[in-house]
C-alpha atoms as a PDB file:
ATOM      1  CA  MET A   1      95.558  67.548  44.777  1.00  0.00           C
ATOM      2  CA  ASP A   2      96.214  71.227  44.445  1.00  0.00           C
ATOM      3  CA  TYR A   3      95.932  73.551  47.500  1.00  0.00           C
ATOM      4  CA  PRO A   4      95.916  77.034  46.017  1.00  0.00           C
ATOM      5  CA  GLY A   5      95.657  78.883  49.356  1.00  0.00           C
ATOM      6  CA  ARG A   6      98.612  77.051  50.871  1.00  0.00           C
ATOM      7  CA  HIS A   7     100.582  77.469  47.657  1.00  0.00           C
ATOM      8  CA  ARG A   8     100.122  81.246  47.770  1.00  0.00           C
ATOM      9  CA  THR A   9     101.190  81.426  51.409  1.00  0.00           C
ATOM     10  CA  CYS A  10     104.362  79.426  51.031  1.00  0.00           C
ATOM     11  CA  PHE A  11     105.507  80.674  47.630  1.00  0.00           C
ATOM     12  CA  ALA A  12     104.626  84.328  47.327  1.00  0.00           C
ATOM     13  CA  GLY A  13     107.374  84.798  44.801  1.00  0.00           C
ATOM     14  CA  ALA A  14     111.160  84.550  44.745  1.00  0.00           C
ATOM     15  CA  GLY A  15     112.784  86.829  47.320  1.00  0.00           C
ATOM     16  CA  ALA A  16     109.460  88.124  48.668  1.00  0.00           C
ATOM     17  CA  ILE A  17     108.951  88.767  52.398  1.00  0.00           C
ATOM     18  CA  PRO A  18     105.745  87.601  54.083  1.00  0.00           C
ATOM     19  CA  ALA A  19     103.510  90.421  55.265  1.00  0.00           C
ATOM     20  CA  TYR A  20     103.973  89.798  58.995  1.00  0.00           C
ATOM     21  CA  ASN A  21     107.775  89.744  58.589  1.00  0.00           C
ATOM     22  CA  ALA A  22     107.655  93.009  56.675  1.00  0.00           C
ATOM     23  CA  ASN A  23     105.675  94.584  59.502  1.00  0.00           C
ATOM     24  CA  ARG A  24     108.246  93.408  62.036  1.00  0.00           C
ATOM     25  CA  VAL A  25     111.062  94.898  59.965  1.00  0.00           C
ATOM     26  CA  GLU A  26     109.173  98.197  59.698  1.00  0.00           C
ATOM     27  CA  ARG A  27     108.546  98.284  63.470  1.00  0.00           C
ATOM     28  CA  LEU A  28     112.223  97.596  64.172  1.00  0.00           C
ATOM     29  CA  ASP A  29     113.282 100.342  61.773  1.00  0.00           C
ATOM     30  CA  LEU A  30     110.901 102.830  63.405  1.00  0.00           C
ATOM     31  CA  PHE A  31     112.158 101.873  66.862  1.00  0.00           C
ATOM     32  CA  LEU A  32     115.810 102.291  65.933  1.00  0.00           C
ATOM     33  CA  HIS A  33     115.335 105.568  64.086  1.00  0.00           C
ATOM     34  CA  GLY A  34     112.500 107.078  66.080  1.00  0.00           C
ATOM     35  CA  HIS A  35     113.813 106.219  69.528  1.00  0.00           C
ATOM     36  CA  SER A  36     117.561 106.038  69.025  1.00  0.00           C
ATOM     37  CA  SER A  37     118.139 109.061  71.261  1.00  0.00           C
ATOM     38  CA  ALA A  38     116.003 107.568  74.020  1.00  0.00           C
ATOM     39  CA  VAL A  39     117.868 104.288  73.801  1.00  0.00           C
ATOM     40  CA  ALA A  40     121.236 106.049  73.895  1.00  0.00           C
ATOM     41  CA  GLN A  41     120.139 108.117  76.882  1.00  0.00           C
ATOM     42  CA  SER A  42     118.923 105.008  78.680  1.00  0.00           C
ATOM     43  CA  LEU A  43     122.226 103.251  78.041  1.00  0.00           C
ATOM     44  CA  PHE A  44     124.117 106.335  79.226  1.00  0.00           C
ATOM     45  CA  TRP A  45     122.201 106.500  82.500  1.00  0.00           C
ATOM     46  CA  THR A  46     122.595 102.764  83.035  1.00  0.00           C
ATOM     47  CA  GLU A  47     126.350 103.026  82.528  1.00  0.00           C
ATOM     48  CA  ALA A  48     126.518 106.026  84.873  1.00  0.00           C
ATOM     49  CA  ARG A  49     124.548 104.101  87.494  1.00  0.00           C
ATOM     50  CA  ILE A  50     126.903 101.131  87.281  1.00  0.00           C
ATOM     51  CA  GLU A  51     129.887 103.470  87.510  1.00  0.00           C
ATOM     52  CA  SER A  52     128.414 105.114  90.623  1.00  0.00           C
ATOM     53  CA  ILE A  53     127.765 101.759  92.301  1.00  0.00           C
ATOM     54  CA  SER A  54     131.303 100.634  91.474  1.00  0.00           C
ATOM     55  CA  LEU A  55     132.800 103.814  92.925  1.00  0.00           C
ATOM     56  CA  ASN A  56     130.726 103.561  96.108  1.00  0.00           C
ATOM     57  CA  TYR A  57     131.750  99.928  96.512  1.00  0.00           C
ATOM     58  CA  VAL A  58     135.449 100.779  96.217  1.00  0.00           C
ATOM     59  CA  LEU A  59     135.107 103.639  98.699  1.00  0.00           C
ATOM     60  CA  VAL A  60     133.462 101.303 101.205  1.00  0.00           C
ATOM     61  CA  LEU A  61     136.385  98.905 100.774  1.00  0.00           C
ATOM     62  CA  ALA A  62     138.818 101.793 101.327  1.00  0.00           C
ATOM     63  CA  LEU A  63     137.039 102.699 104.555  1.00  0.00           C
ATOM     64  CA  GLY A  64     137.070  99.054 105.625  1.00  0.00           C
ATOM     65  CA  ILE A  65     140.789  98.568 105.097  1.00  0.00           C
ATOM     66  CA  GLY A  66     141.332 101.771 107.085  1.00  0.00           C
ATOM     67  CA  ILE A  67     139.422 100.217 109.980  1.00  0.00           C
ATOM     68  CA  VAL A  68     141.755  97.219 109.779  1.00  0.00           C
ATOM     69  CA  ALA A  69     144.704  99.608 110.032  1.00  0.00           C
ATOM     70  CA  GLY A  70     143.102 101.048 113.153  1.00  0.00           C
ATOM     71  CA  LEU A  71     143.053  97.578 114.684  1.00  0.00           C
ATOM     72  CA  ARG A  72     146.573  96.616 113.547  1.00  0.00           C
ATOM     73  CA  SER A  73     148.528  99.388 111.871  1.00  0.00           C
ATOM     74  CA  LEU A  74     150.855  97.121 109.888  1.00  0.00           C
ATOM     75  CA  THR A  75     148.539  94.189 109.177  1.00  0.00           C
ATOM     76  CA  ALA A  76     146.540  96.221 106.662  1.00  0.00           C
ATOM     77  CA  PRO A  77     149.490  97.319 104.466  1.00  0.00           C
ATOM     78  CA  ALA A  78     151.057  93.854 104.696  1.00  0.00           C
ATOM     79  CA  VAL A  79     147.903  92.189 103.384  1.00  0.00           C
ATOM     80  CA  VAL A  80     147.473  94.875 100.711  1.00  0.00           C
ATOM     81  CA  ALA A  81     151.097  94.317  99.644  1.00  0.00           C
ATOM     82  CA  TRP A  82     150.462  90.593  99.318  1.00  0.00           C
ATOM     83  CA  GLY A  83     147.275  91.319  97.372  1.00  0.00           C
ATOM     84  CA  ALA A  84     149.181  93.518  94.919  1.00  0.00           C
ATOM     85  CA  HIS A  85     152.011  90.989  94.696  1.00  0.00           C
ATOM     86  CA  LEU A  86     149.542  88.195  93.878  1.00  0.00           C
ATOM     87  CA  SER A  87     147.661  90.437  91.404  1.00  0.00           C
ATOM     88  CA  TRP A  88     144.495  90.532  93.516  1.00  0.00           C
ATOM     89  CA  LEU A  89     144.929  94.298  93.326  1.00  0.00           C
ATOM     90  CA  ASN A  90     146.137  95.670  90.009  1.00  0.00           C
ATOM     91  CA  LEU A  91     148.533  98.472  90.917  1.00  0.00           C
ATOM     92  CA  HIS A  92     150.635  98.209  87.749  1.00  0.00           C
ATOM     93  CA  GLY A  93     151.296 101.636  86.283  1.00  0.00           C
ATOM     94  CA  SER A  94     150.058 103.460  89.388  1.00  0.00           C
ATOM     95  CA  PRO A  95     152.227 105.542  91.757  1.00  0.00           C
ATOM     96  CA  LEU A  96     151.643 102.854  94.406  1.00  0.00           C
ATOM     97  CA  ALA A  97     152.901  99.925  92.328  1.00  0.00           C
ATOM     98  CA  PHE A  98     155.957  99.645  94.586  1.00  0.00           C
ATOM     99  CA  ILE A  99     153.861  98.184  97.395  1.00  0.00           C
ATOM    100  CA  GLY A 100     153.493  94.941  95.462  1.00  0.00           C
ATOM    101  CA  SER A 101     157.232  94.502  95.006  1.00  0.00           C
ATOM    102  CA  THR A 102     159.028  91.625  96.685  1.00  0.00           C
ATOM    103  CA  PRO A 103     161.089  93.849  99.038  1.00  0.00           C
ATOM    104  CA  ALA A 104     157.973  95.747 100.162  1.00  0.00           C
ATOM    105  CA  VAL A 105     156.068  92.514 100.772  1.00  0.00           C
ATOM    106  CA  ALA A 106     158.947  91.057 102.783  1.00  0.00           C
ATOM    107  CA  ILE A 107     159.493  94.174 104.899  1.00  0.00           C
ATOM    108  CA  LEU A 108     155.818  94.767 105.624  1.00  0.00           C
ATOM    109  CA  SER A 109     155.249  91.098 106.473  1.00  0.00           C
ATOM    110  CA  VAL A 110     158.107  91.099 109.015  1.00  0.00           C
ATOM    111  CA  LEU A 111     156.857  94.367 110.524  1.00  0.00           C
ATOM    112  CA  ALA A 112     153.300  93.073 110.741  1.00  0.00           C
ATOM    113  CA  ILE A 113     154.402  89.886 112.521  1.00  0.00           C
ATOM    114  CA  GLY A 114     156.486  91.987 114.892  1.00  0.00           C
ATOM    115  CA  GLU A 115     153.466  94.176 115.655  1.00  0.00           C
ATOM    116  CA  LEU A 116     151.299  91.147 116.427  1.00  0.00           C
ATOM    117  CA  ILE A 117     153.901  89.987 118.942  1.00  0.00           C
ATOM    118  CA  ALA A 118     154.544  93.419 120.454  1.00  0.00           C
ATOM    119  CA  ASP A 119     150.835  94.063 120.910  1.00  0.00           C
ATOM    120  CA  LYS A 120     150.784  91.456 123.693  1.00  0.00           C
ATOM    121  CA  LEU A 121     153.547  93.198 125.687  1.00  0.00           C
ATOM    122  CA  PRO A 122     152.569  95.432 128.618  1.00  0.00           C
ATOM    123  CA  MET A 123     154.960  98.296 127.823  1.00  0.00           C
ATOM    124  CA  ILE A 124     153.361  99.069 124.436  1.00  0.00           C
ATOM    125  CA  PRO A 125     151.658 102.517 124.509  1.00  0.00           C
ATOM    126  CA  LYS A 126     147.936 102.878 123.941  1.00  0.00           C
ATOM    127  CA  ARG A 127     146.921 102.961 120.297  1.00  0.00           C
ATOM    128  CA  THR A 128     144.972 106.160 120.964  1.00  0.00           C
ATOM    129  CA  ALA A 129     148.171 108.045 121.869  1.00  0.00           C
ATOM    130  CA  PRO A 130     149.161 110.645 119.212  1.00  0.00           C
ATOM    131  CA  ALA A 131     152.029 108.709 117.596  1.00  0.00           C
ATOM    132  CA  PRO A 132     150.288 105.296 117.286  1.00  0.00           C
ATOM    133  CA  LEU A 133     147.080 107.002 116.142  1.00  0.00           C
ATOM    134  CA  MET A 134     148.909 108.962 113.457  1.00  0.00           C
ATOM    135  CA  ALA A 135     150.635 105.783 112.256  1.00  0.00           C
ATOM    136  CA  ARG A 136     147.219 104.135 111.840  1.00  0.00           C
ATOM    137  CA  VAL A 137     145.887 107.114 109.921  1.00  0.00           C
ATOM    138  CA  VAL A 138     148.890 107.016 107.571  1.00  0.00           C
ATOM    139  CA  THR A 139     148.793 103.271 106.904  1.00  0.00           C
ATOM    140  CA  GLY A 140     145.002 103.353 106.573  1.00  0.00           C
ATOM    141  CA  GLY A 141     145.265 106.176 104.063  1.00  0.00           C
ATOM    142  CA  LEU A 142     147.949 104.328 102.094  1.00  0.00           C
ATOM    143  CA  CYS A 143     145.841 101.172 101.910  1.00  0.00           C
ATOM    144  CA  GLY A 144     142.696 103.098 100.964  1.00  0.00           C
ATOM    145  CA  ALA A 145     144.593 104.828  98.173  1.00  0.00           C
ATOM    146  CA  CYS A 146     145.783 101.426  96.917  1.00  0.00           C
ATOM    147  CA  PHE A 147     142.187 100.210  96.644  1.00  0.00           C
ATOM    148  CA  CYS A 148     141.209 103.226  94.559  1.00  0.00           C
ATOM    149  CA  ALA A 149     144.374 103.030  92.442  1.00  0.00           C
ATOM    150  CA  ALA A 150     143.538  99.407  91.589  1.00  0.00           C
ATOM    151  CA  VAL A 151     140.349 100.517  89.804  1.00  0.00           C
ATOM    152  CA  GLY A 152     141.589 103.841  88.454  1.00  0.00           C
ATOM    153  CA  LYS A 153     139.746 106.033  90.958  1.00  0.00           C
ATOM    154  CA  SER A 154     140.920 109.031  92.958  1.00  0.00           C
ATOM    155  CA  LEU A 155     143.828 108.226  95.247  1.00  0.00           C
ATOM    156  CA  VAL A 156     142.981 111.254  97.382  1.00  0.00           C
ATOM    157  CA  ALA A 157     139.454 109.992  98.071  1.00  0.00           C
ATOM    158  CA  GLY A 158     140.782 106.557  98.941  1.00  0.00           C
ATOM    159  CA  ALA A 159     143.448 108.038 101.228  1.00  0.00           C
ATOM    160  CA  LEU A 160     140.920 110.222 103.041  1.00  0.00           C
ATOM    161  CA  LEU A 161     138.496 107.363 103.636  1.00  0.00           C
ATOM    162  CA  GLY A 162     141.316 105.030 104.630  1.00  0.00           C
ATOM    163  CA  GLY A 163     142.550 107.623 107.126  1.00  0.00           C
ATOM    164  CA  ILE A 164     139.055 108.075 108.552  1.00  0.00           C
ATOM    165  CA  GLY A 165     138.747 104.310 108.824  1.00  0.00           C
ATOM    166  CA  GLY A 166     142.049 104.287 110.697  1.00  0.00           C
ATOM    167  CA  VAL A 167     140.643 106.655 113.332  1.00  0.00           C
ATOM    168  CA  VAL A 168     137.388 104.689 113.600  1.00  0.00           C
ATOM    169  CA  GLY A 169     139.197 101.354 113.915  1.00  0.00           C
ATOM    170  CA  THR A 170     141.602 102.736 116.509  1.00  0.00           C
ATOM    171  CA  PHE A 171     138.989 103.999 118.942  1.00  0.00           C
ATOM    172  CA  LEU A 172     136.500 101.211 118.238  1.00  0.00           C
ATOM    173  CA  GLY A 173     139.075  98.480 118.784  1.00  0.00           C
ATOM    174  CA  TYR A 174     140.443 100.162 121.895  1.00  0.00           C
ATOM    175  CA  SER A 175     136.976 100.669 123.378  1.00  0.00           C
ATOM    176  CA  ILE A 176     135.875  97.078 122.780  1.00  0.00           C
ATOM    177  CA  ARG A 177     139.105  95.604 124.101  1.00  0.00           C
ATOM    178  CA  ARG A 178     139.052  97.795 127.198  1.00  0.00           C
ATOM    179  CA  ARG A 179     135.448  96.866 127.948  1.00  0.00           C
ATOM    180  CA  LEU A 180     136.095  93.144 127.524  1.00  0.00           C
ATOM    181  CA  VAL A 181     139.176  93.214 129.762  1.00  0.00           C
ATOM    182  CA  ASN A 182     138.145  95.705 132.448  1.00  0.00           C
ATOM    183  CA  ASP A 183     134.386  95.233 132.661  1.00  0.00           C
ATOM    184  CA  LEU A 184     133.883  91.621 131.603  1.00  0.00           C
ATOM    185  CA  HIS A 185     137.253  90.407 132.945  1.00  0.00           C
ATOM    186  CA  VAL A 186     138.243  88.545 129.806  1.00  0.00           C
ATOM    187  CA  ASN A 187     141.937  87.694 129.611  1.00  0.00           C
ATOM    188  CA  ASP A 188     143.754  90.441 127.678  1.00  0.00           C
ATOM    189  CA  PHE A 189     145.877  87.957 125.729  1.00  0.00           C
ATOM    190  CA  VAL A 190     142.766  86.127 124.544  1.00  0.00           C
ATOM    191  CA  VAL A 191     141.137  89.390 123.469  1.00  0.00           C
ATOM    192  CA  ALA A 192     144.310  90.462 121.641  1.00  0.00           C
ATOM    193  CA  VAL A 193     144.519  87.184 119.733  1.00  0.00           C
ATOM    194  CA  CYS A 194     140.860  87.436 118.748  1.00  0.00           C
ATOM    195  CA  GLU A 195     141.515  90.977 117.541  1.00  0.00           C
ATOM    196  CA  ASP A 196     144.456  89.698 115.490  1.00  0.00           C
ATOM    197  CA  ILE A 197     142.211  87.126 113.830  1.00  0.00           C
ATOM    198  CA  VAL A 198     139.527  89.728 113.076  1.00  0.00           C
ATOM    199  CA  ALA A 199     142.066  92.160 111.603  1.00  0.00           C
ATOM    200  CA  VAL A 200     143.776  89.581 109.381  1.00  0.00           C
ATOM    201  CA  GLY A 201     140.498  87.978 108.307  1.00  0.00           C
ATOM    202  CA  LEU A 202     138.837  91.282 107.470  1.00  0.00           C
ATOM    203  CA  ALA A 203     141.890  92.465 105.527  1.00  0.00           C
ATOM    204  CA  LEU A 204     141.995  89.267 103.477  1.00  0.00           C
ATOM    205  CA  PHE A 205     138.264  89.524 102.809  1.00  0.00           C
ATOM    206  CA  LEU A 206     138.513  93.121 101.589  1.00  0.00           C
ATOM    207  CA  VAL A 207     141.604  92.578  99.418  1.00  0.00           C
ATOM    208  CA  SER A 208     140.100  89.520  97.734  1.00  0.00           C
ATOM    209  CA  ARG A 209     136.886  91.317  96.696  1.00  0.00           C
END
């Protein structure tokens, strides 16, 4: 039995496009040509937004590693050195690539371990004294710059935020430790060990992001 209507629908002629498909093609063509500038602008703003979020995220990490330096001045650069050495931070081709070298990792690791031991000794000066504070600002700035260098951002911005973090971490850590020991009568050695754990853990967390 012949079905003329169905025959016309399915075989409109060799190479012909059904009407609804033609309309879809026309709508797509109008969209691409009539709104190409709007689409490009939308993509541009989306890319700029992602770039801004990425930059803000890196700057927060730079501030955070500076705070670690304020807690333990040599723990932060030691962990950053290990991160660069293990390619967690890509410093290849940057002015700070040396920090991931084997000698730098070895030296900073020994110094960091020595600091963790010395921190428990009574003759160690307060971290808020000018020299220890300046050391924390310097190492915090170095680590912050490494974070920015790893993603091709401004080393100066990273260094500034890392240095600020160093000051914040210094006074915050000192204030908390003093309150726990003097006001709450917690053993100073216990507080120091807990601070070591926080500093190392936070540094590892930030470097592995």
